[in-house]
């Protein structure tokens, strides 16, 4: 078993990320979400359990990790794409989740990828994300994460 398979196996029963839990606790009516870099599905599954329709995207085929934790109604609201971020097309959405996945985009494609993310989120909708501690994106020794509401720009809440 390779490192990535071990990671998926180790995280398949993990709780959803705290920002996704916080988002659900905000009481926003369920709609359409995209989980970029869904891994074994911890956030996807939580969103589906809470009534959301979810498109999960990962560069590895992790669909089976997710499907085995869903009931028949949740399976109807679930879709999966196996693809990398460098050539991705992102549908319009009400919520985009990207926990620890954005830094995996090739740096030469990052600006286009970021534009696709920001253009996909509908007005007055949300983007939940968390980065690693990584200079490339947030500066030396800084950790960035949060929930943003899209208006004309992102606003941290």
Protein backbone atom coordinates (compact mmCIF):
# COMPACT_ATOMS: atom_id res chain seq x y z
CA UNK A 1 0.00 0.00 0.00
CA UNK A 2 1.41 3.41 -1.03
CA UNK A 3 1.50 6.52 1.12
CA UNK A 4 -1.60 8.04 -0.46
CA UNK A 5 -3.62 4.87 0.10
CA UNK A 6 -2.48 4.82 3.73
CA UNK A 7 -3.58 8.45 4.10
CA UNK A 8 -7.05 7.70 2.71
CA UNK A 9 -7.37 4.60 4.89
CA UNK A 10 -6.26 6.57 7.99
CA UNK A 11 -8.71 9.42 7.33
CA UNK A 12 -11.77 7.53 6.12
CA UNK A 13 -13.36 7.69 9.60
CA UNK A 14 -12.13 11.17 10.49
CA UNK A 15 -14.55 13.84 11.64
CA UNK A 16 -15.30 16.68 9.23
CA UNK A 17 -13.02 19.69 9.39
CA UNK A 18 -14.09 22.27 12.01
CA UNK A 19 -14.88 24.98 9.45
CA UNK A 20 -17.30 22.68 7.66
CA UNK A 21 -18.98 21.86 10.99
CA UNK A 22 -19.11 25.60 11.79
CA UNK A 23 -20.63 26.28 8.39
CA UNK A 24 -23.38 23.68 8.89
CA UNK A 25 -24.10 25.14 12.33
CA UNK A 26 -24.74 28.53 10.66
CA UNK A 27 -28.11 27.11 9.59
CA UNK A 28 -27.77 27.88 5.87
CA UNK A 29 -30.29 26.07 3.68
CA UNK A 30 -28.61 23.10 1.93
CA UNK A 31 -27.90 23.56 -1.77
CA UNK A 32 -24.99 22.59 -4.08
CA UNK A 33 -21.43 22.15 -2.75
CA UNK A 34 -18.12 21.17 -4.29
CA UNK A 35 -15.42 19.48 -2.22
CA UNK A 36 -12.05 20.03 -3.95
CA UNK A 37 -9.53 17.39 -2.95
CA UNK A 38 -12.17 15.40 -1.09
CA UNK A 39 -9.82 12.58 -0.07
CA UNK A 40 -11.71 9.83 1.72
CA UNK A 41 -14.75 12.10 1.96
CA UNK A 42 -14.86 13.38 5.53
CA UNK A 43 -16.40 16.74 4.52
CA UNK A 44 -18.39 15.38 1.58
CA UNK A 45 -20.08 12.79 3.79
CA UNK A 46 -20.89 15.36 6.47
CA UNK A 47 -22.44 17.71 3.93
CA UNK A 48 -24.50 14.90 2.40
CA UNK A 49 -25.69 13.80 5.87
CA UNK A 50 -26.86 17.40 6.32
CA UNK A 51 -28.91 17.55 3.13
CA UNK A 52 -26.46 19.05 0.62
CA UNK A 53 -25.97 17.95 -2.97
CA UNK A 54 -22.19 17.43 -3.34
CA UNK A 55 -19.73 17.08 -6.19
CA UNK A 56 -16.56 15.56 -4.71
CA UNK A 57 -13.34 15.97 -6.71
CA UNK A 58 -10.01 14.25 -6.09
CA UNK A 59 -7.05 13.27 -8.25
CA UNK A 60 -7.31 9.73 -6.86
CA UNK A 61 -10.40 7.56 -7.30
CA UNK A 62 -11.77 7.67 -3.75
CA UNK A 63 -15.42 7.30 -4.70
CA UNK A 64 -15.78 3.91 -2.99
CA UNK A 65 -14.52 5.28 0.36
CA UNK A 66 -17.42 7.73 0.24
CA UNK A 67 -20.19 5.56 -1.23
CA UNK A 68 -19.95 2.93 1.49
CA UNK A 69 -20.91 5.58 4.09
CA UNK A 70 -24.00 6.89 2.30
CA UNK A 71 -27.63 5.81 2.33
CA UNK A 72 -29.70 5.62 -0.86
CA UNK A 73 -31.00 9.20 -0.60
CA UNK A 74 -27.51 10.59 -0.06
CA UNK A 75 -26.17 8.61 -3.03
CA UNK A 76 -28.72 10.42 -5.24
CA UNK A 77 -27.23 13.79 -4.18
CA UNK A 78 -23.61 12.64 -4.62
CA UNK A 79 -21.38 12.84 -7.68
CA UNK A 80 -17.65 12.29 -8.08
CA UNK A 81 -14.95 13.39 -10.52
CA UNK A 82 -11.45 11.97 -10.58
CA UNK A 83 -9.22 14.75 -11.91
CA UNK A 84 -6.30 17.04 -11.11
CA UNK A 85 -6.69 20.76 -10.43
CA UNK A 86 -4.55 21.89 -13.35
CA UNK A 87 -7.25 21.31 -15.99
CA UNK A 88 -10.36 21.45 -13.84
CA UNK A 89 -13.63 23.16 -14.72
CA UNK A 90 -15.55 24.15 -11.59
CA UNK A 91 -19.33 24.39 -11.72
CA UNK A 92 -21.21 27.29 -10.14
CA UNK A 93 -21.84 26.45 -6.49
CA UNK A 94 -23.20 27.71 -3.19
CA UNK A 95 -20.34 26.27 -1.17
CA UNK A 96 -16.81 25.33 -2.11
CA UNK A 97 -14.77 23.30 0.38
CA UNK A 98 -11.01 22.98 -0.11
CA UNK A 99 -9.30 21.77 3.06
CA UNK A 100 -5.56 21.17 2.63
CA UNK A 101 -5.97 20.60 -1.12
CA UNK A 102 -5.27 23.90 -2.88
CA UNK A 103 -1.47 23.69 -2.41
CA UNK A 104 -1.46 20.52 -4.52
CA UNK A 105 -2.17 22.57 -7.64
CA UNK A 106 0.91 23.00 -9.82
CA UNK A 107 2.29 26.49 -9.13
CA UNK A 108 2.38 27.28 -12.86
CA UNK A 109 -1.39 26.77 -13.02
CA UNK A 110 -2.29 28.29 -9.67
CA UNK A 111 -3.50 31.72 -10.85
CA UNK A 112 -5.92 30.19 -13.35
CA UNK A 113 -7.06 27.66 -10.75
CA UNK A 114 -7.70 30.42 -8.20
CA UNK A 115 -9.74 32.42 -10.76
CA UNK A 116 -11.84 29.32 -11.44
CA UNK A 117 -12.49 28.94 -7.71
CA UNK A 118 -13.52 32.56 -7.18
CA UNK A 119 -15.65 32.66 -10.35
CA UNK A 120 -17.48 29.46 -9.42
CA UNK A 121 -18.85 30.66 -6.09
CA UNK A 122 -22.24 32.31 -6.48
CA UNK A 123 -22.82 35.74 -4.93
CA UNK A 124 -23.48 35.67 -1.19
CA UNK A 125 -22.28 32.09 -0.95
CA UNK A 126 -19.42 30.48 0.90
CA UNK A 127 -15.89 29.19 0.54
CA UNK A 128 -14.44 27.06 3.39
CA UNK A 129 -10.74 26.40 3.19
CA UNK A 130 -7.64 25.58 5.11
CA UNK A 131 -4.03 25.75 3.94
CA UNK A 132 -0.95 24.05 5.24
CA UNK A 133 1.70 26.27 6.80
CA UNK A 134 3.31 27.09 3.51
CA UNK A 135 5.23 30.15 2.33
CA UNK A 136 4.12 29.75 -1.28
CA UNK A 137 0.56 30.77 -0.48
CA UNK A 138 0.32 32.58 2.84
CA UNK A 139 3.78 33.79 3.83
CA UNK A 140 6.43 32.38 6.07
CA UNK A 141 5.18 30.88 9.35
CA UNK A 142 1.58 31.89 8.76
CA UNK A 143 -1.42 29.62 8.75
CA UNK A 144 -4.45 30.66 6.77
CA UNK A 145 -7.95 29.28 6.96
CA UNK A 146 -11.48 30.51 7.15
CA UNK A 147 -14.98 30.88 5.87
CA UNK A 148 -15.67 33.64 3.37
CA UNK A 149 -18.93 35.03 2.04
CA UNK A 150 -18.68 36.12 -1.57
CA UNK A 151 -20.09 39.58 -2.19
CA UNK A 152 -18.09 41.64 -4.67
CA UNK A 153 -15.00 40.24 -2.99
CA UNK A 154 -14.31 37.80 -0.19
CA UNK A 155 -14.96 38.96 3.35
CA UNK A 156 -13.57 37.05 6.31
CA UNK A 157 -16.13 36.10 8.96
